[in-house]
Amino acid sequence: MLSRWQKFRRLSRSAQKLFLQAFCLLALTGLAIRLFNFQRTQLALQRSLPIGKPNSRDSSATLVQQTARMVRAADNHGPLDGNCLRQSLVLWWLLRRQGIESELRIGVRKAGARFEAHAWVEWRGRALNERDDVRQRFAAFEEPILGAPIELQ
């Protein structure tokens, strides 16, 4: 069995860079959400993006899938427990930094007496960090959560 270090070294340079960025961003995003709340964290991430619309010329499926895979791997090997909101914010931000249009989605469902919420990222209408049936399991808000910050109660 390969050690984690050996697995990391086998990755391409671009995958290594994405993994390290995701690893650091997951921790920082988790801390920011705890200290400041989701809305302020989302706003700070949005403000750090390049001005203008993302371009679609470099949005190859391979790059998109690699980014999603590295965020998932970084989340699995990071110091914090997995969290769909943190992972989705980081994936959305990394894609947008690469000029790839993507949408942060939040959905809800009622499971018995419990109310559950879930976050995921979509690219060209397809969930990247979730199973394809996520929209059958969660009722997504009408608009993607990526434009102006939302009001949280």
Protein backbone atom coordinates (compact mmCIF):
# COMPACT_ATOMS: atom_id res chain seq x y z
CA MET A 1 0.00 0.00 0.00
CA LEU A 2 1.35 3.41 -0.93
CA SER A 3 1.88 5.96 1.79
CA ARG A 4 0.06 9.27 1.58
CA TRP A 5 3.31 10.98 0.64
CA GLN A 6 3.92 8.53 -2.21
CA LYS A 7 0.38 9.07 -3.49
CA PHE A 8 0.87 12.82 -3.36
CA ARG A 9 4.18 12.61 -5.23
CA ARG A 10 2.54 10.56 -7.99
CA LEU A 11 0.11 13.41 -8.73
CA SER A 12 0.83 15.86 -11.51
CA ARG A 13 2.19 19.26 -10.49
CA SER A 14 -1.16 20.88 -11.20
CA ALA A 15 -2.98 18.29 -9.05
CA GLN A 16 -0.46 18.77 -6.23
CA LYS A 17 -1.01 22.53 -6.37
CA LEU A 18 -4.80 22.11 -6.29
CA PHE A 19 -4.55 19.68 -3.37
CA LEU A 20 -2.37 22.05 -1.33
CA GLN A 21 -4.58 25.03 -2.12
CA ALA A 22 -7.69 23.06 -1.14
CA PHE A 23 -6.05 21.71 2.02
CA CYS A 24 -5.22 25.22 3.25
CA LEU A 25 -8.47 26.79 2.08
CA LEU A 26 -10.61 24.14 3.75
CA ALA A 27 -9.07 24.92 7.13
CA LEU A 28 -9.27 28.70 6.60
CA THR A 29 -12.84 28.54 5.31
CA GLY A 30 -13.93 26.37 8.22
CA LEU A 31 -12.39 28.81 10.67
CA ALA A 32 -13.92 31.82 8.90
CA ILE A 33 -17.41 30.28 8.93
CA ARG A 34 -17.09 29.61 12.68
CA LEU A 35 -15.72 33.06 13.49
CA PHE A 36 -17.70 35.25 11.10
CA ASN A 37 -20.61 33.17 9.67
CA PHE A 38 -21.38 31.82 6.23
CA GLN A 39 -22.53 35.10 4.71
CA ARG A 40 -19.36 37.04 5.55
CA THR A 41 -17.15 34.14 4.50
CA GLN A 42 -18.94 33.85 1.17
CA LEU A 43 -18.63 37.60 0.61
CA ALA A 44 -14.89 37.55 1.39
CA LEU A 45 -14.36 34.68 -1.05
CA GLN A 46 -16.37 36.46 -3.75
CA ARG A 47 -14.39 39.67 -3.28
CA SER A 48 -11.12 37.80 -3.73
CA LEU A 49 -12.13 36.56 -7.18
CA PRO A 50 -10.92 38.30 -10.33
CA ILE A 51 -13.30 40.98 -11.58
CA GLY A 52 -15.42 40.02 -14.57
CA LYS A 53 -17.20 36.91 -15.67
CA PRO A 54 -15.43 33.56 -15.72
CA ASN A 55 -14.43 32.41 -19.16
CA SER A 56 -15.37 29.02 -20.49
CA ARG A 57 -12.42 28.39 -22.77
CA ASP A 58 -10.40 26.53 -20.14
CA SER A 59 -13.30 24.72 -18.53
CA SER A 60 -12.44 21.26 -19.74
CA ALA A 61 -14.17 18.38 -18.00
CA THR A 62 -10.77 17.00 -17.03
CA LEU A 63 -9.75 20.17 -15.18
CA VAL A 64 -13.13 20.46 -13.48
CA GLN A 65 -13.07 16.82 -12.34
CA GLN A 66 -9.46 17.09 -11.18
CA THR A 67 -10.31 20.14 -9.08
CA ALA A 68 -13.31 18.38 -7.50
CA ARG A 69 -11.20 15.28 -6.83
CA MET A 70 -8.40 17.27 -5.16
CA VAL A 71 -10.84 19.19 -2.94
CA ARG A 72 -12.45 15.91 -1.89
CA ALA A 73 -9.01 14.35 -1.19
CA ALA A 74 -7.88 17.39 0.80
CA ASP A 75 -11.10 17.30 2.82
CA ASN A 76 -10.62 13.57 3.52
CA HIS A 77 -7.02 14.09 4.70
CA GLY A 78 -7.48 17.41 6.47
CA PRO A 79 -7.62 18.09 10.18
CA LEU A 80 -11.36 18.93 10.21
CA ASP A 81 -14.33 16.62 9.84
CA GLY A 82 -15.95 16.65 6.41
CA ASN A 83 -18.46 19.41 5.87
CA CYS A 84 -20.45 19.90 2.67
CA LEU A 85 -20.71 23.68 2.99
CA ARG A 86 -16.99 24.23 3.56
CA GLN A 87 -16.05 21.78 0.80
CA SER A 88 -18.50 23.33 -1.65
CA LEU A 89 -17.36 26.89 -0.95
CA VAL A 90 -13.73 25.89 -1.55
CA LEU A 91 -14.54 23.92 -4.72
CA TRP A 92 -16.64 26.78 -6.10
CA TRP A 93 -13.89 29.32 -5.32
CA LEU A 94 -11.08 27.22 -6.87
CA LEU A 95 -13.11 26.69 -10.04
CA ARG A 96 -13.91 30.39 -10.32
CA ARG A 97 -10.24 31.29 -9.74
CA GLN A 98 -9.44 29.08 -12.73
CA GLY A 99 -12.01 30.97 -14.80
CA ILE A 100 -14.56 28.15 -14.69
CA GLU A 101 -18.22 29.06 -14.32
CA SER A 102 -19.82 27.06 -11.52
CA GLU A 103 -22.72 27.39 -9.13
CA LEU A 104 -22.89 26.87 -5.40
CA ARG A 105 -26.20 25.20 -4.55
CA ILE A 106 -27.95 24.70 -1.25
CA GLY A 107 -30.89 22.38 -0.81
CA VAL A 108 -33.11 21.32 2.06
CA ARG A 109 -35.26 18.38 3.07
CA LYS A 110 -37.27 17.21 5.99
CA ALA A 111 -36.29 13.81 7.31
CA GLY A 112 -38.85 12.81 9.91
CA ALA A 113 -38.77 15.52 12.56
CA ARG A 114 -35.38 16.79 11.39
CA PHE A 115 -34.73 19.58 8.94
CA GLU A 116 -31.56 19.00 6.89
CA ALA A 117 -29.59 21.28 4.59
CA HIS A 118 -26.91 20.30 2.10
CA ALA A 119 -24.49 22.19 -0.18
CA TRP A 120 -22.91 21.16 -3.47
CA VAL A 121 -21.36 22.69 -6.59
CA GLU A 122 -22.77 22.34 -10.10
CA TRP A 123 -20.95 22.75 -13.38
CA ARG A 124 -23.04 22.77 -16.54
CA GLY A 125 -26.00 21.55 -14.50
CA ARG A 126 -24.15 18.54 -13.06
CA ALA A 127 -23.27 18.06 -9.39
CA LEU A 128 -19.50 17.80 -8.94
CA ASN A 129 -19.04 16.92 -5.29
CA GLU A 130 -22.21 14.93 -4.84
CA ARG A 131 -24.11 12.05 -6.40
CA ASP A 132 -26.15 12.87 -9.49
CA ASP A 133 -29.45 12.34 -7.63
CA VAL A 134 -28.82 15.17 -5.15
CA ARG A 135 -31.73 17.21 -6.58
CA GLN A 136 -34.08 14.29 -5.94
CA ARG A 137 -32.92 14.06 -2.33
CA PHE A 138 -32.79 17.80 -1.57
CA ALA A 139 -35.01 20.64 -2.78
CA ALA A 140 -32.51 23.19 -4.11
CA PHE A 141 -33.14 26.89 -3.74
CA GLU A 142 -34.30 28.42 -7.01
CA GLU A 143 -31.20 30.59 -7.49
CA PRO A 144 -27.62 29.45 -7.05
CA ILE A 145 -25.88 30.80 -3.98
CA LEU A 146 -23.05 32.65 -5.72
CA GLY A 147 -24.20 36.15 -6.53
CA ALA A 148 -25.05 38.60 -3.79
CA PRO A 149 -24.74 37.18 -0.29
CA ILE A 150 -27.86 35.61 1.14
CA GLU A 151 -29.50 36.61 4.39
CA LEU A 152 -29.25 33.88 6.99
CA GLN A 153 -31.67 33.92 9.92
